[in-house]
Protein backbone atom coordinates (compact mmCIF):
# COMPACT_ATOMS: atom_id res chain seq x y z
CA MET A 1 -30.09 34.54 -15.81
CA LYS A 2 -27.08 32.89 -17.52
CA LYS A 3 -23.60 33.88 -16.28
CA PRO A 4 -20.40 34.31 -18.76
CA ILE A 5 -18.34 31.02 -19.08
CA THR A 6 -14.58 31.05 -18.96
CA ALA A 7 -11.87 30.25 -21.36
CA LEU A 8 -10.51 27.91 -18.77
CA ALA A 9 -13.79 25.88 -18.52
CA LEU A 10 -14.05 25.91 -22.37
CA ALA A 11 -10.03 24.56 -22.29
CA ALA A 12 -11.09 21.72 -19.62
CA LEU A 13 -14.15 20.67 -21.89
CA ALA A 14 -12.01 20.33 -25.02
CA ALA A 15 -9.24 18.50 -22.78
CA THR A 16 -12.29 15.98 -21.64
CA PHE A 17 -13.69 15.45 -25.27
CA ALA A 18 -9.98 14.68 -26.17
CA LEU A 19 -9.47 12.34 -23.54
CA GLY A 20 -12.89 10.69 -24.53
CA ALA A 21 -16.45 10.48 -23.54
CA SER A 22 -15.52 8.08 -20.59
CA ALA A 23 -13.73 10.84 -18.87
CA GLU A 24 -16.91 13.33 -17.50
CA LEU A 25 -15.73 16.57 -16.26
CA LYS A 26 -18.19 18.08 -13.84
CA ILE A 27 -18.03 21.93 -13.30
CA ALA A 28 -19.36 24.20 -10.77
CA THR A 29 -19.49 27.92 -10.21
CA LEU A 30 -19.09 29.96 -7.14
CA ASP A 31 -20.10 33.58 -6.16
CA LEU A 32 -17.11 34.31 -4.06
CA GLU A 33 -17.79 37.78 -3.04
CA LYS A 34 -21.02 37.07 -1.85
CA VAL A 35 -19.59 34.03 0.45
CA VAL A 36 -16.91 36.44 1.80
CA ASP A 37 -19.45 39.35 2.10
CA LEU A 38 -21.55 37.24 4.19
CA HIS A 39 -18.96 35.13 6.23
CA PRO A 40 -19.12 35.69 9.84
CA ASP A 41 -15.57 36.47 9.69
CA THR A 42 -16.00 39.55 7.52
CA ALA A 43 -18.28 41.32 10.17
CA ARG A 44 -15.90 40.79 12.78
CA ASN A 45 -13.05 41.76 10.77
CA ARG A 46 -14.84 45.09 10.05
CA ILE A 47 -15.17 45.97 13.58
CA ASP A 48 -11.68 45.01 14.30
CA LEU A 49 -10.36 47.02 11.28
CA LYS A 50 -12.53 50.22 12.26
CA GLU A 51 -10.81 50.04 15.87
CA MET A 52 -7.78 49.83 14.29
CA LEU A 53 -8.30 52.81 12.18
CA ASP A 54 -9.62 54.82 14.96
CA ASP A 55 -6.37 54.23 16.89
CA TYR A 56 -4.36 55.18 13.89
CA GLN A 57 -6.30 58.07 13.30
CA SER A 58 -5.78 59.37 16.95
CA GLU A 59 -2.20 58.56 16.69
CA VAL A 60 -1.79 60.46 13.36
CA ALA A 61 -3.80 63.32 14.63
CA ARG A 62 -1.44 64.03 17.54
CA LEU A 63 1.45 64.23 15.50
CA GLU A 64 -0.18 66.22 12.99
CA ASP A 65 -1.06 68.53 15.97
CA ALA A 66 2.51 68.26 17.13
CA ALA A 67 3.80 69.38 13.68
CA ILE A 68 1.64 72.27 13.89
CA ALA A 69 2.58 73.52 17.12
CA ALA A 70 6.20 73.11 15.88
CA ARG A 71 5.78 75.38 12.98
CA LYS A 72 3.74 77.78 14.76
CA ALA A 73 7.03 78.03 17.33
CA ALA A 74 9.44 77.98 14.50
CA ALA A 75 7.65 80.92 12.84
CA SER A 76 7.68 82.95 16.48
CA SER A 77 11.17 82.41 16.85
CA ILE A 78 11.89 83.65 13.28
CA GLU A 79 10.15 86.56 13.98
CA GLU A 80 11.49 87.41 17.21
CA SER A 81 15.23 86.79 15.69
CA ARG A 82 14.02 89.60 13.38
CA ASN A 83 13.23 92.11 16.04
CA PRO A 84 15.25 95.12 15.36
CA ALA A 85 15.19 96.19 19.14
CA LEU A 86 17.41 93.15 19.75
CA GLY A 87 20.88 93.73 20.82
CA GLU A 88 23.83 91.62 19.23
CA LYS A 89 23.90 88.73 21.91
CA ALA A 90 19.91 88.70 22.17
CA ARG A 91 19.69 88.76 18.37
CA LYS A 92 22.30 85.61 18.33
CA ARG A 93 20.35 84.02 21.07
CA ALA A 94 17.06 84.56 19.37
CA GLU A 95 18.33 82.96 15.92
CA GLU A 96 19.84 79.92 17.63
CA GLU A 97 16.31 79.33 19.12
CA ALA A 98 14.96 79.69 15.68
CA THR A 99 17.28 77.31 13.92
CA LYS A 100 16.36 74.73 16.91
CA ASN A 101 12.68 75.24 16.46
CA ILE A 102 12.89 75.19 12.64
CA GLU A 103 14.65 71.62 13.21
CA ILE A 104 11.95 70.55 15.68
CA ALA A 105 9.23 71.66 13.04
CA ARG A 106 10.92 69.73 10.17
CA THR A 107 11.11 66.41 12.31
CA ALA A 108 7.62 66.69 13.44
CA GLU A 109 6.33 66.95 9.90
CA ARG A 110 8.64 64.32 8.88
CA ASP A 111 7.02 62.04 11.61
CA PHE A 112 3.74 62.71 11.05
CA ALA A 113 4.05 62.17 7.09
CA GLU A 114 5.84 58.99 7.53
CA LYS A 115 3.63 57.63 10.38
CA ARG A 116 0.32 58.59 8.25
CA VAL A 117 1.94 56.61 5.38
CA GLN A 118 2.80 53.77 7.59
CA ARG A 119 -0.46 53.22 9.20
CA GLN A 120 -2.25 53.14 6.12
CA ARG A 121 0.08 50.45 4.69
CA ASP A 122 -0.42 48.76 8.10
CA LEU A 123 -4.32 48.85 7.84
CA ASN A 124 -4.20 47.54 4.21
CA GLU A 125 -1.77 44.74 5.24
CA GLN A 126 -4.20 43.58 8.06
CA GLU A 127 -7.32 43.70 6.05
CA ALA A 128 -5.55 41.57 3.40
CA ARG A 129 -4.03 38.96 5.98
CA MET A 130 -7.64 38.75 7.39
CA LEU A 131 -9.30 38.35 3.89
CA ARG A 132 -6.80 35.35 3.15
CA VAL A 133 -7.76 33.57 6.46
CA THR A 134 -11.59 34.15 5.24
CA ILE A 135 -10.71 32.80 1.64
CA ARG A 136 -8.94 30.11 3.12
CA GLN A 137 -11.78 28.58 4.95
CA ILE A 138 -14.07 29.09 2.00
CA GLU A 139 -11.90 27.44 -0.30
CA THR A 140 -11.44 24.31 2.35
CA GLU A 141 -15.13 23.88 2.23
CA VAL A 142 -15.49 24.09 -1.37
CA ALA A 143 -12.93 21.49 -1.57
CA LYS A 144 -14.72 19.20 0.89
CA TYR A 145 -18.03 19.85 -1.04
CA ALA A 146 -16.47 19.20 -4.58
CA LYS A 147 -14.84 16.00 -3.43
CA GLU A 148 -18.33 14.68 -1.95
CA LYS A 149 -20.25 15.80 -5.13
CA GLY A 150 -17.56 14.65 -7.50
CA ILE A 151 -16.87 18.17 -8.99
CA SER A 152 -13.92 18.39 -10.89
CA LEU A 153 -13.63 22.18 -11.29
CA VAL A 154 -15.16 24.98 -9.27
CA LEU A 155 -15.03 28.41 -10.88
CA PRO A 156 -15.33 31.89 -9.20
CA ILE A 157 -17.84 34.05 -11.20
CA THR A 158 -16.79 37.02 -8.90
CA GLY A 159 -13.78 38.01 -7.18
CA SER A 160 -12.62 41.31 -8.75
CA ARG A 161 -13.56 43.44 -5.79
CA ILE A 162 -11.40 41.19 -3.28
CA GLY A 163 -8.38 41.04 -5.55
CA ILE A 164 -9.37 37.90 -7.39
CA ALA A 165 -10.21 37.62 -11.09
CA PRO A 166 -13.26 35.67 -11.82
CA ALA A 167 -12.33 32.50 -14.00
CA ALA A 168 -15.90 32.60 -15.60
CA VAL A 169 -17.00 34.57 -18.03
CA TRP A 170 -20.52 32.98 -18.51
CA ALA A 171 -22.24 29.98 -16.92
CA ASP A 172 -25.56 28.55 -16.50
CA ASP A 173 -27.30 29.30 -13.04
CA ALA A 174 -27.51 25.54 -12.57
CA LEU A 175 -23.79 25.03 -12.16
CA ASP A 176 -23.86 27.63 -9.11
CA ILE A 177 -23.16 26.04 -5.75
CA THR A 178 -23.08 29.53 -3.95
CA ALA A 179 -26.12 28.52 -1.94
CA ASP A 180 -24.57 25.12 -0.55
CA ILE A 181 -21.53 26.56 0.38
CA MET A 182 -23.14 28.77 2.24
CA ALA A 183 -25.34 26.75 3.86
CA ALA A 184 -22.15 24.28 4.50
CA LEU A 185 -20.37 27.22 6.20
CA GLY A 186 -23.69 28.27 8.25
CA ILE A 187 -24.03 31.54 6.49
CA GLU A 188 -27.36 33.17 6.35
CA ASP A 189 -28.49 34.52 2.75
CA LYS A 190 -28.99 38.27 3.26
CA ALA A 191 -27.72 41.47 2.67
CA PRO A 192 -24.51 42.15 4.39
CA ALA A 193 -24.25 44.71 7.42
CA ASP A 194 -22.62 47.54 5.39
CA ALA A 195 -25.24 47.22 2.58
CA GLU A 196 -28.13 47.36 5.17
CA ASP A 197 -26.67 50.46 6.57
CA LYS A 198 -26.47 52.11 3.44
CA ALA A 199 -30.02 51.13 2.33
CA SER A 200 -31.39 52.47 5.63
CA ALA A 201 -29.48 55.74 5.18
CA SER A 202 -30.79 56.21 1.69
CA ALA A 203 -34.31 55.62 2.90
CA LYS A 204 -34.11 58.32 5.43
CA GLU A 205 -32.75 60.70 2.92
CA ASP A 206 -35.75 59.93 0.91
CA LYS A 207 -37.98 60.82 3.60
């Protein structure tokens, strides 16, 4: 199967021809998403992120419960302050209690909403940091491999899913060095753990 060639690659080839036939440009392509998915750090990162998510969800759930309890307390206080059987002093105390509980409820709801947004942002940022570390390791190995093989340009043929725009729109499979890079990184070529889990779940559903 042949894959798309990029405008960048075409421009590089054009520049090579302009410089003369003696300046040979050797190009390779890389399935970056596959290398990232199968990189051992990715599996470990998924576990760490899951633990982080569980902690965040527990924290946010406690704040949500507090907000719900505060709303109920405020509603009860408001109802009590409207009791026609109360005397003037008792009514005033009830109204003050209702005002206090309303403010407590508002604060609890604000804390819950802010913490939920903050924790989601924290999770996204941590995931992005982990991904950057993994990609840097891959880039280092790619650079080393390219220098050893005399490759002038390595273009990613995938990457959109991890926030990197593919540079190649089409390229011959013969240019693909993904297997070599995975071997250099000690990565086994197999389906990622999450893909295996989905396939297993699908098989169970079919039965």
